[in-house]
Amino acid sequence: RPSGGMSMDHAIVLAGGSGLRFWPESRSNRSKQFLNL
């Protein structure tokens, strides 16, 4: 934990989607968030 009990800022990036609307580049083995769009 940060010293002095001071809280910190954190970023949570949600990368669980599939992006079916970007077929045929987005597929079951490569979701939208891993494409170079």
PDB file of all heavy atoms in Angstrom:
ATOM      1  N   ARG A   1       0.835  -1.191   0.000  1.00  0.00           N
ATOM      2  CA  ARG A   1       0.000   0.000   0.000  1.00  0.00           C
ATOM      3  C   ARG A   1       0.873   1.244   0.000  1.00  0.00           C
ATOM      4  O   ARG A   1       1.925   1.283   0.622  1.00  0.00           O
ATOM      5  CB  ARG A   1      -0.898   0.005   1.228  1.00  0.00           C
ATOM      6  CG  ARG A   1      -1.955   1.112   1.130  1.00  0.00           C
ATOM      7  CD  ARG A   1      -2.976   1.000   2.223  1.00  0.00           C
ATOM      8  NE  ARG A   1      -3.929   2.079   2.103  1.00  0.00           N
ATOM      9  CZ  ARG A   1      -4.888   2.306   2.973  1.00  0.00           C
ATOM     10  NH1 ARG A   1      -5.010   1.530   4.013  1.00  0.00           N
ATOM     11  NH2 ARG A   1      -5.711   3.298   2.812  1.00  0.00           N
ATOM     12  N   PRO A   2       0.432   2.305  -0.743  1.00  0.00           N
ATOM     13  CA  PRO A   2       1.203   3.536  -0.773  1.00  0.00           C
ATOM     14  C   PRO A   2       1.493   4.061   0.622  1.00  0.00           C
ATOM     15  O   PRO A   2       0.688   3.929   1.534  1.00  0.00           O
ATOM     16  CB  PRO A   2       0.300   4.500  -1.552  1.00  0.00           C
ATOM     17  CG  PRO A   2      -0.581   3.611  -2.373  1.00  0.00           C
ATOM     18  CD  PRO A   2      -0.781   2.381  -1.560  1.00  0.00           C
ATOM     19  N   SER A   3       2.682   4.651   0.822  1.00  0.00           N
ATOM     20  CA  SER A   3       3.085   5.133   2.136  1.00  0.00           C
ATOM     21  C   SER A   3       2.153   6.209   2.640  1.00  0.00           C
ATOM     22  O   SER A   3       1.574   6.975   1.882  1.00  0.00           O
ATOM     23  CB  SER A   3       4.508   5.687   2.039  1.00  0.00           C
ATOM     24  OG  SER A   3       4.555   6.768   1.138  1.00  0.00           O
ATOM     25  N   GLY A   4       2.002   6.252   3.953  1.00  0.00           N
ATOM     26  CA  GLY A   4       1.176   7.273   4.571  1.00  0.00           C
ATOM     27  C   GLY A   4      -0.307   7.019   4.429  1.00  0.00           C
ATOM     28  O   GLY A   4      -1.132   7.849   4.780  1.00  0.00           O
ATOM     29  N   GLY A   5      -0.701   5.824   3.869  1.00  0.00           N
ATOM     30  CA  GLY A   5      -2.106   5.507   3.718  1.00  0.00           C
ATOM     31  C   GLY A   5      -2.797   6.265   2.611  1.00  0.00           C
ATOM     32  O   GLY A   5      -3.996   6.211   2.486  1.00  0.00           O
ATOM     33  N   MET A   6      -2.026   6.990   1.793  1.00  0.00           N
ATOM     34  CA  MET A   6      -2.648   7.786   0.741  1.00  0.00           C
ATOM     35  C   MET A   6      -3.106   6.876  -0.392  1.00  0.00           C
ATOM     36  O   MET A   6      -2.353   6.041  -0.879  1.00  0.00           O
ATOM     37  CB  MET A   6      -1.659   8.821   0.216  1.00  0.00           C
ATOM     38  CG  MET A   6      -2.264   9.775  -0.797  1.00  0.00           C
ATOM     39  SD  MET A   6      -1.075  11.028  -1.345  1.00  0.00           S
ATOM     40  CE  MET A   6       0.005  10.032  -2.371  1.00  0.00           C
ATOM     41  N   SER A   7      -4.344   7.055  -0.822  1.00  0.00           N
ATOM     42  CA  SER A   7      -4.854   6.241  -1.922  1.00  0.00           C
ATOM     43  C   SER A   7      -4.308   6.754  -3.243  1.00  0.00           C
ATOM     44  O   SER A   7      -3.888   7.897  -3.357  1.00  0.00           O
ATOM     45  CB  SER A   7      -6.389   6.288  -1.941  1.00  0.00           C
ATOM     46  OG  SER A   7      -6.838   7.610  -2.172  1.00  0.00           O
ATOM     47  N   MET A   8      -4.326   5.893  -4.232  1.00  0.00           N
ATOM     48  CA  MET A   8      -3.773   6.216  -5.542  1.00  0.00           C
ATOM     49  C   MET A   8      -4.839   6.037  -6.617  1.00  0.00           C
ATOM     50  O   MET A   8      -5.878   5.430  -6.385  1.00  0.00           O
ATOM     51  CB  MET A   8      -2.570   5.315  -5.835  1.00  0.00           C
ATOM     52  CG  MET A   8      -1.499   5.344  -4.756  1.00  0.00           C
ATOM     53  SD  MET A   8      -0.712   6.960  -4.539  1.00  0.00           S
ATOM     54  CE  MET A   8       0.418   6.941  -5.930  1.00  0.00           C
ATOM     55  N   ASP A   9      -4.549   6.563  -7.791  1.00  0.00           N
ATOM     56  CA  ASP A   9      -5.443   6.428  -8.930  1.00  0.00           C
ATOM     57  C   ASP A   9      -5.034   5.208  -9.750  1.00  0.00           C
ATOM     58  O   ASP A   9      -3.850   5.004 -10.039  1.00  0.00           O
ATOM     59  CB  ASP A   9      -5.371   7.671  -9.822  1.00  0.00           C
ATOM     60  CG  ASP A   9      -5.788   8.946  -9.089  1.00  0.00           C
ATOM     61  OD1 ASP A   9      -6.624   8.840  -8.166  1.00  0.00           O
ATOM     62  OD2 ASP A   9      -5.284  10.023  -9.436  1.00  0.00           O
ATOM     63  N   HIS A  10      -6.015   4.396 -10.126  1.00  0.00           N
ATOM     64  CA  HIS A  10      -5.790   3.205 -10.944  1.00  0.00           C
ATOM     65  C   HIS A  10      -6.702   3.246 -12.158  1.00  0.00           C
ATOM     66  O   HIS A  10      -7.833   3.733 -12.077  1.00  0.00           O
ATOM     67  CB  HIS A  10      -6.105   1.926 -10.153  1.00  0.00           C
ATOM     68  CG  HIS A  10      -5.215   1.688  -8.979  1.00  0.00           C
ATOM     69  ND1 HIS A  10      -4.269   0.683  -8.939  1.00  0.00           N
ATOM     70  CD2 HIS A  10      -5.129   2.314  -7.770  1.00  0.00           C
ATOM     71  CE1 HIS A  10      -3.651   0.697  -7.767  1.00  0.00           C
ATOM     72  NE2 HIS A  10      -4.153   1.681  -7.040  1.00  0.00           N
ATOM     73  N   ALA A  11      -6.235   2.699 -13.272  1.00  0.00           N
ATOM     74  CA  ALA A  11      -7.045   2.577 -14.483  1.00  0.00           C
ATOM     75  C   ALA A  11      -7.321   1.110 -14.759  1.00  0.00           C
ATOM     76  O   ALA A  11      -6.404   0.271 -14.709  1.00  0.00           O
ATOM     77  CB  ALA A  11      -6.333   3.201 -15.676  1.00  0.00           C
ATOM     78  N   ILE A  12      -8.582   0.791 -15.025  1.00  0.00           N
ATOM     79  CA  ILE A  12      -8.992  -0.573 -15.358  1.00  0.00           C
ATOM     80  C   ILE A  12      -9.497  -0.567 -16.797  1.00  0.00           C
ATOM     81  O   ILE A  12     -10.472   0.122 -17.122  1.00  0.00           O
ATOM     82  CB  ILE A  12     -10.098  -1.075 -14.408  1.00  0.00           C
ATOM     83  CG1 ILE A  12      -9.594  -1.087 -12.963  1.00  0.00           C
ATOM     84  CG2 ILE A  12     -10.584  -2.458 -14.829  1.00  0.00           C
ATOM     85  CD1 ILE A  12     -10.688  -1.350 -11.935  1.00  0.00           C
ATOM     86  N   VAL A  13      -8.821  -1.310 -17.656  1.00  0.00           N
ATOM     87  CA  VAL A  13      -9.177  -1.374 -19.071  1.00  0.00           C
ATOM     88  C   VAL A  13      -9.929  -2.677 -19.320  1.00  0.00           C
ATOM     89  O   VAL A  13      -9.399  -3.766 -19.074  1.00  0.00           O
ATOM     90  CB  VAL A  13      -7.915  -1.297 -19.950  1.00  0.00           C
ATOM     91  CG1 VAL A  13      -8.274  -1.458 -21.428  1.00  0.00           C
ATOM     92  CG2 VAL A  13      -7.186   0.026 -19.718  1.00  0.00           C
ATOM     93  N   LEU A  14     -11.160  -2.563 -19.779  1.00  0.00           N
ATOM     94  CA  LEU A  14     -12.009  -3.728 -20.021  1.00  0.00           C
ATOM     95  C   LEU A  14     -11.781  -4.221 -21.453  1.00  0.00           C
ATOM     96  O   LEU A  14     -12.065  -3.509 -22.418  1.00  0.00           O
ATOM     97  CB  LEU A  14     -13.482  -3.368 -19.813  1.00  0.00           C
ATOM     98  CG  LEU A  14     -13.837  -2.814 -18.426  1.00  0.00           C
ATOM     99  CD1 LEU A  14     -15.323  -2.495 -18.351  1.00  0.00           C
ATOM    100  CD2 LEU A  14     -13.444  -3.792 -17.325  1.00  0.00           C
ATOM    101  N   ALA A  15     -11.279  -5.442 -21.576  1.00  0.00           N
ATOM    102  CA  ALA A  15     -10.914  -5.978 -22.894  1.00  0.00           C
ATOM    103  C   ALA A  15     -11.530  -7.349 -23.111  1.00  0.00           C
ATOM    104  O   ALA A  15     -10.906  -8.238 -23.699  1.00  0.00           O
ATOM    105  CB  ALA A  15      -9.389  -6.050 -23.020  1.00  0.00           C
ATOM    106  N   GLY A  16     -12.762  -7.522 -22.666  1.00  0.00           N
ATOM    107  CA  GLY A  16     -13.374  -8.845 -22.742  1.00  0.00           C
ATOM    108  C   GLY A  16     -14.338  -9.046 -23.889  1.00  0.00           C
ATOM    109  O   GLY A  16     -14.870 -10.134 -24.080  1.00  0.00           O
ATOM    110  N   GLY A  17     -14.602  -8.000 -24.684  1.00  0.00           N
ATOM    111  CA  GLY A  17     -15.588  -8.125 -25.758  1.00  0.00           C
ATOM    112  C   GLY A  17     -15.062  -8.913 -26.943  1.00  0.00           C
ATOM    113  O   GLY A  17     -13.876  -9.231 -27.040  1.00  0.00           O
ATOM    114  N   SER A  18     -15.967  -9.220 -27.872  1.00  0.00           N
ATOM    115  CA  SER A  18     -15.580  -9.986 -29.060  1.00  0.00           C
ATOM    116  C   SER A  18     -15.610  -9.149 -30.330  1.00  0.00           C
ATOM    117  O   SER A  18     -14.823  -9.377 -31.250  1.00  0.00           O
ATOM    118  CB  SER A  18     -16.499 -11.204 -29.226  1.00  0.00           C
ATOM    119  OG  SER A  18     -17.855 -10.780 -29.321  1.00  0.00           O
ATOM    120  N   GLY A  19     -16.530  -8.173 -30.405  1.00  0.00           N
ATOM    121  CA  GLY A  19     -16.565  -7.306 -31.577  1.00  0.00           C
ATOM    122  C   GLY A  19     -17.011  -8.002 -32.844  1.00  0.00           C
ATOM    123  O   GLY A  19     -16.384  -7.874 -33.897  1.00  0.00           O
ATOM    124  N   LEU A  20     -18.131  -8.735 -32.763  1.00  0.00           N
ATOM    125  CA  LEU A  20     -18.601  -9.494 -33.922  1.00  0.00           C
ATOM    126  C   LEU A  20     -18.918  -8.603 -35.121  1.00  0.00           C
ATOM    127  O   LEU A  20     -18.867  -9.050 -36.267  1.00  0.00           O
ATOM    128  CB  LEU A  20     -19.855 -10.300 -33.555  1.00  0.00           C
ATOM    129  CG  LEU A  20     -19.667 -11.473 -32.583  1.00  0.00           C
ATOM    130  CD1 LEU A  20     -20.992 -12.161 -32.323  1.00  0.00           C
ATOM    131  CD2 LEU A  20     -18.647 -12.454 -33.114  1.00  0.00           C
ATOM    132  N   ARG A  21     -19.224  -7.335 -34.868  1.00  0.00           N
ATOM    133  CA  ARG A  21     -19.569  -6.435 -35.986  1.00  0.00           C
ATOM    134  C   ARG A  21     -18.355  -6.111 -36.859  1.00  0.00           C
ATOM    135  O   ARG A  21     -18.513  -5.473 -37.901  1.00  0.00           O
ATOM    136  CB  ARG A  21     -20.204  -5.145 -35.448  1.00  0.00           C
ATOM    137  CG  ARG A  21     -21.586  -5.354 -34.838  1.00  0.00           C
ATOM    138  CD  ARG A  21     -22.155  -4.064 -34.274  1.00  0.00           C
ATOM    139  NE  ARG A  21     -23.456  -4.265 -33.657  1.00  0.00           N
ATOM    140  CZ  ARG A  21     -23.634  -4.665 -32.404  1.00  0.00           C
ATOM    141  NH1 ARG A  21     -22.578  -4.899 -31.646  1.00  0.00           N
ATOM    142  NH2 ARG A  21     -24.850  -4.824 -31.903  1.00  0.00           N
ATOM    143  N   PHE A  22     -17.162  -6.527 -36.411  1.00  0.00           N
ATOM    144  CA  PHE A  22     -15.975  -6.292 -37.225  1.00  0.00           C
ATOM    145  C   PHE A  22     -15.481  -7.567 -37.914  1.00  0.00           C
ATOM    146  O   PHE A  22     -14.327  -7.653 -38.320  1.00  0.00           O
ATOM    147  CB  PHE A  22     -14.858  -5.659 -36.383  1.00  0.00           C
ATOM    148  CG  PHE A  22     -15.060  -4.182 -36.179  1.00  0.00           C
ATOM    149  CD1 PHE A  22     -15.710  -3.712 -35.050  1.00  0.00           C
ATOM    150  CD2 PHE A  22     -14.638  -3.275 -37.131  1.00  0.00           C
ATOM    151  CE1 PHE A  22     -15.924  -2.349 -34.863  1.00  0.00           C
ATOM    152  CE2 PHE A  22     -14.848  -1.919 -36.964  1.00  0.00           C
ATOM    153  CZ  PHE A  22     -15.493  -1.452 -35.830  1.00  0.00           C
ATOM    154  N   TRP A  23     -16.379  -8.565 -38.041  1.00  0.00           N
ATOM    155  CA  TRP A  23     -16.056  -9.709 -38.882  1.00  0.00           C
ATOM    156  C   TRP A  23     -15.919  -9.194 -40.315  1.00  0.00           C
ATOM    157  O   TRP A  23     -16.607  -8.273 -40.727  1.00  0.00           O
ATOM    158  CB  TRP A  23     -17.181 -10.764 -38.789  1.00  0.00           C
ATOM    159  CG  TRP A  23     -16.861 -12.017 -39.542  1.00  0.00           C
ATOM    160  CD1 TRP A  23     -16.184 -13.100 -39.072  1.00  0.00           C
ATOM    161  CD2 TRP A  23     -17.176 -12.294 -40.906  1.00  0.00           C
ATOM    162  NE1 TRP A  23     -16.046 -14.030 -40.052  1.00  0.00           N
ATOM    163  CE2 TRP A  23     -16.650 -13.561 -41.203  1.00  0.00           C
ATOM    164  CE3 TRP A  23     -17.839 -11.609 -41.919  1.00  0.00           C
ATOM    165  CZ2 TRP A  23     -16.773 -14.153 -42.455  1.00  0.00           C
ATOM    166  CZ3 TRP A  23     -17.967 -12.180 -43.173  1.00  0.00           C
ATOM    167  CH2 TRP A  23     -17.434 -13.437 -43.431  1.00  0.00           C
ATOM    168  N   PRO A  24     -14.964  -9.711 -41.128  1.00  0.00           N
ATOM    169  CA  PRO A  24     -14.146 -10.902 -40.905  1.00  0.00           C
ATOM    170  C   PRO A  24     -12.779 -10.636 -40.258  1.00  0.00           C
ATOM    171  O   PRO A  24     -12.008 -11.575 -40.102  1.00  0.00           O
ATOM    172  CB  PRO A  24     -13.947 -11.421 -42.330  1.00  0.00           C
ATOM    173  CG  PRO A  24     -13.924 -10.192 -43.171  1.00  0.00           C
ATOM    174  CD  PRO A  24     -14.905  -9.252 -42.533  1.00  0.00           C
ATOM    175  N   GLU A  25     -12.471  -9.384 -39.895  1.00  0.00           N
ATOM    176  CA  GLU A  25     -11.188  -9.157 -39.214  1.00  0.00           C
ATOM    177  C   GLU A  25     -11.248  -9.644 -37.773  1.00  0.00           C
ATOM    178  O   GLU A  25     -10.281 -10.200 -37.255  1.00  0.00           O
ATOM    179  CB  GLU A  25     -10.804  -7.675 -39.284  1.00  0.00           C
ATOM    180  CG  GLU A  25     -10.424  -7.225 -40.687  1.00  0.00           C
ATOM    181  CD  GLU A  25      -9.739  -5.873 -40.714  1.00  0.00           C
ATOM    182  OE1 GLU A  25      -9.091  -5.502 -39.706  1.00  0.00           O
ATOM    183  OE2 GLU A  25      -9.857  -5.182 -41.744  1.00  0.00           O
ATOM    184  N   SER A  26     -12.379  -9.416 -37.112  1.00  0.00           N
ATOM    185  CA  SER A  26     -12.557  -9.922 -35.750  1.00  0.00           C
ATOM    186  C   SER A  26     -13.118 -11.340 -35.833  1.00  0.00           C
ATOM    187  O   SER A  26     -14.167 -11.559 -36.438  1.00  0.00           O
ATOM    188  CB  SER A  26     -13.505  -9.014 -34.968  1.00  0.00           C
ATOM    189  OG  SER A  26     -13.723  -9.526 -33.677  1.00  0.00           O
ATOM    190  N   ARG A  27     -12.419 -12.272 -35.225  1.00  0.00           N
ATOM    191  CA  ARG A  27     -12.840 -13.679 -35.264  1.00  0.00           C
ATOM    192  C   ARG A  27     -12.737 -14.279 -33.866  1.00  0.00           C
ATOM    193  O   ARG A  27     -12.280 -13.632 -32.934  1.00  0.00           O
ATOM    194  CB  ARG A  27     -11.963 -14.465 -36.238  1.00  0.00           C
ATOM    195  CG  ARG A  27     -11.834 -13.798 -37.609  1.00  0.00           C
ATOM    196  CD  ARG A  27     -12.100 -14.739 -38.725  1.00  0.00           C
ATOM    197  NE  ARG A  27     -11.784 -14.146 -40.013  1.00  0.00           N
ATOM    198  CZ  ARG A  27     -11.605 -14.839 -41.118  1.00  0.00           C
ATOM    199  NH1 ARG A  27     -11.684 -16.161 -41.082  1.00  0.00           N
ATOM    200  NH2 ARG A  27     -11.342 -14.239 -42.262  1.00  0.00           N
ATOM    201  N   SER A  28     -13.101 -15.537 -33.763  1.00  0.00           N
ATOM    202  CA  SER A  28     -13.098 -16.189 -32.448  1.00  0.00           C
ATOM    203  C   SER A  28     -11.691 -16.245 -31.859  1.00  0.00           C
ATOM    204  O   SER A  28     -11.526 -16.296 -30.642  1.00  0.00           O
ATOM    205  CB  SER A  28     -13.683 -17.598 -32.547  1.00  0.00           C
ATOM    206  OG  SER A  28     -12.975 -18.363 -33.500  1.00  0.00           O
ATOM    207  N   ASN A  29     -10.666 -16.229 -32.713  1.00  0.00           N
ATOM    208  CA  ASN A  29      -9.287 -16.295 -32.208  1.00  0.00           C
ATOM    209  C   ASN A  29      -8.614 -14.923 -32.142  1.00  0.00           C
ATOM    210  O   ASN A  29      -7.439 -14.825 -31.822  1.00  0.00           O
ATOM    211  CB  ASN A  29      -8.447 -17.242 -33.072  1.00  0.00           C
ATOM    212  CG  ASN A  29      -8.312 -16.756 -34.503  1.00  0.00           C
ATOM    213  OD1 ASN A  29      -8.938 -15.769 -34.897  1.00  0.00           O
ATOM    214  ND2 ASN A  29      -7.513 -17.456 -35.292  1.00  0.00           N
ATOM    215  N   ARG A  30      -9.340 -13.849 -32.481  1.00  0.00           N
ATOM    216  CA  ARG A  30      -8.773 -12.509 -32.375  1.00  0.00           C
ATOM    217  C   ARG A  30      -9.919 -11.500 -32.253  1.00  0.00           C
ATOM    218  O   ARG A  30     -10.610 -11.210 -33.219  1.00  0.00           O
ATOM    219  CB  ARG A  30      -7.895 -12.166 -33.576  1.00  0.00           C
ATOM    220  CG  ARG A  30      -7.165 -10.833 -33.391  1.00  0.00           C
ATOM    221  CD  ARG A  30      -6.170 -10.557 -34.491  1.00  0.00           C
ATOM    222  NE  ARG A  30      -6.822 -10.391 -35.783  1.00  0.00           N
ATOM    223  CZ  ARG A  30      -6.228  -9.815 -36.841  1.00  0.00           C
ATOM    224  NH1 ARG A  30      -4.983  -9.392 -36.732  1.00  0.00           N
ATOM    225  NH2 ARG A  30      -6.864  -9.705 -37.980  1.00  0.00           N
ATOM    226  N   SER A  31     -10.105 -10.963 -31.063  1.00  0.00           N
ATOM    227  CA  SER A  31     -11.209 -10.056 -30.798  1.00  0.00           C
ATOM    228  C   SER A  31     -10.896  -8.644 -31.283  1.00  0.00           C
ATOM    229  O   SER A  31      -9.743  -8.304 -31.565  1.00  0.00           O
ATOM    230  CB  SER A  31     -11.516 -10.027 -29.293  1.00  0.00           C
ATOM    231  OG  SER A  31     -11.845 -11.323 -28.833  1.00  0.00           O
ATOM    232  N   LYS A  32     -11.923  -7.825 -31.353  1.00  0.00           N
ATOM    233  CA  LYS A  32     -11.826  -6.471 -31.911  1.00  0.00           C
ATOM    234  C   LYS A  32     -10.711  -5.644 -31.286  1.00  0.00           C
ATOM    235  O   LYS A  32      -9.997  -4.914 -31.987  1.00  0.00           O
ATOM    236  CB  LYS A  32     -13.167  -5.772 -31.720  1.00  0.00           C
ATOM    237  CG  LYS A  32     -13.171  -4.276 -31.995  1.00  0.00           C
ATOM    238  CD  LYS A  32     -14.469  -3.651 -31.491  1.00  0.00           C
ATOM    239  CE  LYS A  32     -14.404  -2.139 -31.512  1.00  0.00           C
ATOM    240  NZ  LYS A  32     -15.591  -1.531 -30.864  1.00  0.00           N
ATOM    241  N   GLN A  33     -10.548  -5.735 -29.963  1.00  0.00           N
ATOM    242  CA  GLN A  33      -9.597  -4.854 -29.279  1.00  0.00           C
ATOM    243  C   GLN A  33      -8.143  -5.141 -29.648  1.00  0.00           C
ATOM    244  O   GLN A  33      -7.258  -4.357 -29.328  1.00  0.00           O
ATOM    245  CB  GLN A  33      -9.772  -4.927 -27.759  1.00  0.00           C
ATOM    246  CG  GLN A  33      -9.717  -6.310 -27.172  1.00  0.00           C
ATOM    247  CD  GLN A  33     -11.078  -6.973 -27.133  1.00  0.00           C
ATOM    248  OE1 GLN A  33     -11.978  -6.634 -27.885  1.00  0.00           O
ATOM    249  NE2 GLN A  33     -11.246  -7.927 -26.223  1.00  0.00           N
ATOM    250  N   PHE A  34      -7.899  -6.253 -30.342  1.00  0.00           N
ATOM    251  CA  PHE A  34      -6.536  -6.594 -30.762  1.00  0.00           C
ATOM    252  C   PHE A  34      -6.300  -6.291 -32.243  1.00  0.00           C
ATOM    253  O   PHE A  34      -5.254  -6.625 -32.787  1.00  0.00           O
ATOM    254  CB  PHE A  34      -6.247  -8.060 -30.454  1.00  0.00           C
ATOM    255  CG  PHE A  34      -6.509  -8.413 -29.012  1.00  0.00           C
ATOM    256  CD1 PHE A  34      -7.563  -9.232 -28.667  1.00  0.00           C
ATOM    257  CD2 PHE A  34      -5.731  -7.866 -28.000  1.00  0.00           C
ATOM    258  CE1 PHE A  34      -7.825  -9.527 -27.334  1.00  0.00           C
ATOM    259  CE2 PHE A  34      -5.989  -8.164 -26.670  1.00  0.00           C
ATOM    260  CZ  PHE A  34      -7.038  -8.992 -26.335  1.00  0.00           C
ATOM    261  N   LEU A  35      -7.287  -5.658 -32.890  1.00  0.00           N
ATOM    262  CA  LEU A  35      -7.153  -5.286 -34.301  1.00  0.00           C
ATOM    263  C   LEU A  35      -6.530  -3.902 -34.431  1.00  0.00           C
ATOM    264  O   LEU A  35      -6.698  -3.044 -33.571  1.00  0.00           O
ATOM    265  CB  LEU A  35      -8.528  -5.267 -34.973  1.00  0.00           C
ATOM    266  CG  LEU A  35      -9.344  -6.563 -34.959  1.00  0.00           C
ATOM    267  CD1 LEU A  35     -10.691  -6.315 -35.630  1.00  0.00           C
ATOM    268  CD2 LEU A  35      -8.589  -7.696 -35.652  1.00  0.00           C
ATOM    269  N   ASN A  36      -5.842  -3.688 -35.547  1.00  0.00           N
ATOM    270  CA  ASN A  36      -5.342  -2.363 -35.902  1.00  0.00           C
ATOM    271  C   ASN A  36      -6.383  -1.732 -36.828  1.00  0.00           C
ATOM    272  O   ASN A  36      -6.313  -1.873 -38.049  1.00  0.00           O
ATOM    273  CB  ASN A  36      -3.985  -2.463 -36.589  1.00  0.00           C
ATOM    274  CG  ASN A  36      -3.439  -1.105 -37.007  1.00  0.00           C
ATOM    275  OD1 ASN A  36      -4.041  -0.065 -36.730  1.00  0.00           O
ATOM    276  ND2 ASN A  36      -2.318  -1.112 -37.695  1.00  0.00           N
ATOM    277  N   LEU A  37      -7.354  -1.045 -36.253  1.00  0.00           N
ATOM    278  CA  LEU A  37      -8.451  -0.494 -37.036  1.00  0.00           C
ATOM    279  C   LEU A  37      -8.153   0.903 -37.555  1.00  0.00           C
ATOM    280  O   LEU A  37      -8.589   1.278 -38.639  1.00  0.00           O
ATOM    281  CB  LEU A  37      -9.735  -0.471 -36.207  1.00  0.00           C
ATOM    282  CG  LEU A  37     -10.313  -1.845 -35.841  1.00  0.00           C
ATOM    283  CD1 LEU A  37     -11.544  -1.684 -34.958  1.00  0.00           C
ATOM    284  CD2 LEU A  37     -10.660  -2.639 -37.091  1.00  0.00           C
TER     285      LEU A  37
END
